[in-house]
Amino acid sequence: MGKKQLEDGQYDDALNLFQKAILLNRNDPDLWNLKGIALRSLGRYNEAIECFNKS
């Protein structure tokens, strides 16, 4: 579901969904990557880099 928000440019909504999903599965690299993309799209580059490093 978060991917749809990401594609639609709803980055805050996507970020919220990815954060919730990560709480359920902290070891999923795809979730960390998607969270990083959402953060990057919001201009939150340092946080995005941290997520990309975890993916």
PDB file of N, CA and C in Angstrom:
ATOM      1  N   MET A   1       0.817  -1.189   0.000  1.00  0.00           N
ATOM      2  CA  MET A   1       0.000   0.000   0.000  1.00  0.00           C
ATOM      3  C   MET A   1       0.865   1.259   0.000  1.00  0.00           C
ATOM      4  N   GLY A   2       1.953   1.246   0.706  1.00  0.00           N
ATOM      5  CA  GLY A   2       2.835   2.401   0.739  1.00  0.00           C
ATOM      6  C   GLY A   2       3.430   2.722  -0.620  1.00  0.00           C
ATOM      7  N   LYS A   3       3.621   1.694  -1.436  1.00  0.00           N
ATOM      8  CA  LYS A   3       4.176   1.925  -2.775  1.00  0.00           C
ATOM      9  C   LYS A   3       3.241   2.793  -3.605  1.00  0.00           C
ATOM     10  N   LYS A   4       1.939   2.589  -3.464  1.00  0.00           N
ATOM     11  CA  LYS A   4       0.961   3.379  -4.213  1.00  0.00           C
ATOM     12  C   LYS A   4       1.056   4.849  -3.815  1.00  0.00           C
ATOM     13  N   GLN A   5       1.152   5.117  -2.512  1.00  0.00           N
ATOM     14  CA  GLN A   5       1.291   6.496  -2.054  1.00  0.00           C
ATOM     15  C   GLN A   5       2.583   7.107  -2.579  1.00  0.00           C
ATOM     16  N   LEU A   6       3.637   6.319  -2.574  1.00  0.00           N
ATOM     17  CA  LEU A   6       4.925   6.793  -3.078  1.00  0.00           C
ATOM     18  C   LEU A   6       4.809   7.172  -4.556  1.00  0.00           C
ATOM     19  N   GLU A   7       4.179   6.301  -5.339  1.00  0.00           N
ATOM     20  CA  GLU A   7       3.999   6.562  -6.770  1.00  0.00           C
ATOM     21  C   GLU A   7       3.119   7.787  -7.016  1.00  0.00           C
ATOM     22  N   ASP A   8       2.157   8.016  -6.125  1.00  0.00           N
ATOM     23  CA  ASP A   8       1.227   9.144  -6.272  1.00  0.00           C
ATOM     24  C   ASP A   8       1.771  10.443  -5.694  1.00  0.00           C
ATOM     25  N   GLY A   9       2.997  10.399  -5.167  1.00  0.00           N
ATOM     26  CA  GLY A   9       3.602  11.605  -4.612  1.00  0.00           C
ATOM     27  C   GLY A   9       3.134  11.945  -3.211  1.00  0.00           C
ATOM     28  N   GLN A  10       2.483  11.012  -2.555  1.00  0.00           N
ATOM     29  CA  GLN A  10       2.015  11.209  -1.182  1.00  0.00           C
ATOM     30  C   GLN A  10       3.096  10.676  -0.231  1.00  0.00           C
ATOM     31  N   TYR A  11       4.193  11.402  -0.171  1.00  0.00           N
ATOM     32  CA  TYR A  11       5.382  10.910   0.506  1.00  0.00           C
ATOM     33  C   TYR A  11       5.212  10.792   2.014  1.00  0.00           C
ATOM     34  N   ASP A  12       4.512  11.728   2.635  1.00  0.00           N
ATOM     35  CA  ASP A  12       4.290  11.638   4.081  1.00  0.00           C
ATOM     36  C   ASP A  12       3.471  10.404   4.432  1.00  0.00           C
ATOM     37  N   ASP A  13       2.423  10.142   3.653  1.00  0.00           N
ATOM     38  CA  ASP A  13       1.596   8.963   3.895  1.00  0.00           C
ATOM     39  C   ASP A  13       2.397   7.683   3.677  1.00  0.00           C
ATOM     40  N   ALA A  14       3.181   7.664   2.615  1.00  0.00           N
ATOM     41  CA  ALA A  14       4.008   6.493   2.324  1.00  0.00           C
ATOM     42  C   ALA A  14       5.004   6.256   3.453  1.00  0.00           C
ATOM     43  N   LEU A  15       5.645   7.316   3.906  1.00  0.00           N
ATOM     44  CA  LEU A  15       6.622   7.202   4.987  1.00  0.00           C
ATOM     45  C   LEU A  15       5.981   6.616   6.232  1.00  0.00           C
ATOM     46  N   ASN A  16       4.802   7.093   6.573  1.00  0.00           N
ATOM     47  CA  ASN A  16       4.090   6.593   7.745  1.00  0.00           C
ATOM     48  C   ASN A  16       3.821   5.093   7.626  1.00  0.00           C
ATOM     49  N   LEU A  17       3.394   4.653   6.460  1.00  0.00           N
ATOM     50  CA  LEU A  17       3.122   3.231   6.256  1.00  0.00           C
ATOM     51  C   LEU A  17       4.398   2.394   6.315  1.00  0.00           C
ATOM     52  N   PHE A  18       5.470   2.893   5.731  1.00  0.00           N
ATOM     53  CA  PHE A  18       6.728   2.145   5.769  1.00  0.00           C
ATOM     54  C   PHE A  18       7.264   2.044   7.196  1.00  0.00           C
ATOM     55  N   GLN A  19       7.109   3.105   7.977  1.00  0.00           N
ATOM     56  CA  GLN A  19       7.556   3.068   9.371  1.00  0.00           C
ATOM     57  C   GLN A  19       6.781   2.014  10.152  1.00  0.00           C
ATOM     58  N   LYS A  20       5.479   1.936   9.930  1.00  0.00           N
ATOM     59  CA  LYS A  20       4.662   0.926  10.611  1.00  0.00           C
ATOM     60  C   LYS A  20       5.070  -0.481  10.182  1.00  0.00           C
ATOM     61  N   ALA A  21       5.325  -0.662   8.893  1.00  0.00           N
ATOM     62  CA  ALA A  21       5.723  -1.977   8.390  1.00  0.00           C
ATOM     63  C   ALA A  21       7.071  -2.396   8.961  1.00  0.00           C
ATOM     64  N   ILE A  22       7.985  -1.448   9.106  1.00  0.00           N
ATOM     65  CA  ILE A  22       9.305  -1.760   9.658  1.00  0.00           C
ATOM     66  C   ILE A  22       9.195  -2.196  11.112  1.00  0.00           C
ATOM     67  N   LEU A  23       8.231  -1.650  11.843  1.00  0.00           N
ATOM     68  CA  LEU A  23       8.026  -2.088  13.224  1.00  0.00           C
ATOM     69  C   LEU A  23       7.674  -3.571  13.281  1.00  0.00           C
ATOM     70  N   LEU A  24       7.012  -4.062  12.248  1.00  0.00           N
ATOM     71  CA  LEU A  24       6.624  -5.471  12.192  1.00  0.00           C
ATOM     72  C   LEU A  24       7.722  -6.361  11.624  1.00  0.00           C
ATOM     73  N   ASN A  25       8.599  -5.788  10.806  1.00  0.00           N
ATOM     74  CA  ASN A  25       9.648  -6.580  10.159  1.00  0.00           C
ATOM     75  C   ASN A  25      10.883  -5.713   9.937  1.00  0.00           C
ATOM     76  N   ARG A  26      11.681  -5.579  10.979  1.00  0.00           N
ATOM     77  CA  ARG A  26      12.851  -4.697  10.949  1.00  0.00           C
ATOM     78  C   ARG A  26      13.962  -5.197  10.022  1.00  0.00           C
ATOM     79  N   ASN A  27      13.888  -6.463   9.620  1.00  0.00           N
ATOM     80  CA  ASN A  27      14.970  -7.039   8.821  1.00  0.00           C
ATOM     81  C   ASN A  27      14.675  -7.079   7.326  1.00  0.00           C
ATOM     82  N   ASP A  28      13.606  -6.428   6.893  1.00  0.00           N
ATOM     83  CA  ASP A  28      13.248  -6.442   5.474  1.00  0.00           C
ATOM     84  C   ASP A  28      13.964  -5.294   4.756  1.00  0.00           C
ATOM     85  N   PRO A  29      14.970  -5.597   3.944  1.00  0.00           N
ATOM     86  CA  PRO A  29      15.724  -4.532   3.283  1.00  0.00           C
ATOM     87  C   PRO A  29      14.876  -3.709   2.318  1.00  0.00           C
ATOM     88  N   ASP A  30      13.856  -4.313   1.729  1.00  0.00           N
ATOM     89  CA  ASP A  30      12.999  -3.567   0.801  1.00  0.00           C
ATOM     90  C   ASP A  30      12.247  -2.449   1.517  1.00  0.00           C
ATOM     91  N   LEU A  31      11.802  -2.718   2.739  1.00  0.00           N
ATOM     92  CA  LEU A  31      11.093  -1.689   3.503  1.00  0.00           C
ATOM     93  C   LEU A  31      12.012  -0.522   3.831  1.00  0.00           C
ATOM     94  N   TRP A  32      13.244  -0.836   4.222  1.00  0.00           N
ATOM     95  CA  TRP A  32      14.205   0.233   4.520  1.00  0.00           C
ATOM     96  C   TRP A  32      14.499   1.051   3.266  1.00  0.00           C
ATOM     97  N   ASN A  33      14.603   0.379   2.124  1.00  0.00           N
ATOM     98  CA  ASN A  33      14.861   1.082   0.868  1.00  0.00           C
ATOM     99  C   ASN A  33      13.691   1.999   0.506  1.00  0.00           C
ATOM    100  N   LEU A  34      12.474   1.492   0.635  1.00  0.00           N
ATOM    101  CA  LEU A  34      11.294   2.301   0.327  1.00  0.00           C
ATOM    102  C   LEU A  34      11.166   3.487   1.275  1.00  0.00           C
ATOM    103  N   LYS A  35      11.463   3.250   2.537  1.00  0.00           N
ATOM    104  CA  LYS A  35      11.442   4.359   3.498  1.00  0.00           C
ATOM    105  C   LYS A  35      12.477   5.406   3.095  1.00  0.00           C
ATOM    106  N   GLY A  36      13.643   4.957   2.667  1.00  0.00           N
ATOM    107  CA  GLY A  36      14.683   5.876   2.212  1.00  0.00           C
ATOM    108  C   GLY A  36      14.245   6.690   1.011  1.00  0.00           C
ATOM    109  N   ILE A  37      13.546   6.060   0.091  1.00  0.00           N
ATOM    110  CA  ILE A  37      13.050   6.776  -1.089  1.00  0.00           C
ATOM    111  C   ILE A  37      12.051   7.854  -0.672  1.00  0.00           C
ATOM    112  N   ALA A  38      11.151   7.507   0.241  1.00  0.00           N
ATOM    113  CA  ALA A  38      10.169   8.487   0.717  1.00  0.00           C
ATOM    114  C   ALA A  38      10.869   9.657   1.402  1.00  0.00           C
ATOM    115  N   LEU A  39      11.843   9.349   2.250  1.00  0.00           N
ATOM    116  CA  LEU A  39      12.574  10.414   2.939  1.00  0.00           C
ATOM    117  C   LEU A  39      13.339  11.293   1.954  1.00  0.00           C
ATOM    118  N   ARG A  40      13.971  10.674   0.984  1.00  0.00           N
ATOM    119  CA  ARG A  40      14.699  11.438  -0.037  1.00  0.00           C
ATOM    120  C   ARG A  40      13.752  12.363  -0.796  1.00  0.00           C
ATOM    121  N   SER A  41      12.577  11.855  -1.103  1.00  0.00           N
ATOM    122  CA  SER A  41      11.586  12.660  -1.819  1.00  0.00           C
ATOM    123  C   SER A  41      11.107  13.848  -0.996  1.00  0.00           C
ATOM    124  N   LEU A  42      11.180  13.721   0.319  1.00  0.00           N
ATOM    125  CA  LEU A  42      10.795  14.811   1.220  1.00  0.00           C
ATOM    126  C   LEU A  42      11.961  15.751   1.518  1.00  0.00           C
ATOM    127  N   GLY A  43      13.121  15.453   0.929  1.00  0.00           N
ATOM    128  CA  GLY A  43      14.295  16.299   1.153  1.00  0.00           C
ATOM    129  C   GLY A  43      15.013  16.008   2.453  1.00  0.00           C
ATOM    130  N   ARG A  44      14.701  14.886   3.063  1.00  0.00           N
ATOM    131  CA  ARG A  44      15.322  14.502   4.337  1.00  0.00           C
ATOM    132  C   ARG A  44      16.473  13.533   4.033  1.00  0.00           C
ATOM    133  N   TYR A  45      17.518  14.097   3.438  1.00  0.00           N
ATOM    134  CA  TYR A  45      18.583  13.293   2.844  1.00  0.00           C
ATOM    135  C   TYR A  45      19.400  12.487   3.847  1.00  0.00           C
ATOM    136  N   ASN A  46      19.755  13.062   4.976  1.00  0.00           N
ATOM    137  CA  ASN A  46      20.564  12.324   5.956  1.00  0.00           C
ATOM    138  C   ASN A  46      19.812  11.120   6.498  1.00  0.00           C
ATOM    139  N   GLU A  47      18.522  11.296   6.771  1.00  0.00           N
ATOM    140  CA  GLU A  47      17.710  10.173   7.240  1.00  0.00           C
ATOM    141  C   GLU A  47      17.575   9.122   6.144  1.00  0.00           C
ATOM    142  N   ALA A  48      17.452   9.574   4.907  1.00  0.00           N
ATOM    143  CA  ALA A  48      17.340   8.644   3.783  1.00  0.00           C
ATOM    144  C   ALA A  48      18.597   7.791   3.667  1.00  0.00           C
ATOM    145  N   ILE A  49      19.755   8.419   3.806  1.00  0.00           N
ATOM    146  CA  ILE A  49      21.021   7.685   3.723  1.00  0.00           C
ATOM    147  C   ILE A  49      21.084   6.609   4.796  1.00  0.00           C
ATOM    148  N   GLU A  50      20.635   6.929   6.004  1.00  0.00           N
ATOM    149  CA  GLU A  50      20.629   5.936   7.088  1.00  0.00           C
ATOM    150  C   GLU A  50      19.768   4.738   6.707  1.00  0.00           C
ATOM    151  N   CYS A  51      18.619   4.997   6.103  1.00  0.00           N
ATOM    152  CA  CYS A  51      17.740   3.904   5.690  1.00  0.00           C
ATOM    153  C   CYS A  51      18.366   3.088   4.569  1.00  0.00           C
ATOM    154  N   PHE A  52      18.970   3.762   3.600  1.00  0.00           N
ATOM    155  CA  PHE A  52      19.618   3.034   2.507  1.00  0.00           C
ATOM    156  C   PHE A  52      20.748   2.156   3.042  1.00  0.00           C
ATOM    157  N   ASN A  53      21.454   2.628   4.044  1.00  0.00           N
ATOM    158  CA  ASN A  53      22.527   1.830   4.643  1.00  0.00           C
ATOM    159  C   ASN A  53      21.992   0.601   5.361  1.00  0.00           C
ATOM    160  N   LYS A  54      20.761   0.660   5.839  1.00  0.00           N
ATOM    161  CA  LYS A  54      20.152  -0.485   6.524  1.00  0.00           C
ATOM    162  C   LYS A  54      19.531  -1.472   5.541  1.00  0.00           C
ATOM    163  N   SER A  55      19.367  -1.042   4.295  1.00  0.00           N
ATOM    164  CA  SER A  55      18.695  -1.922   3.326  1.00  0.00           C
ATOM    165  C   SER A  55      19.664  -2.916   2.714  1.00  0.00           C
TER     166      SER A  55
END
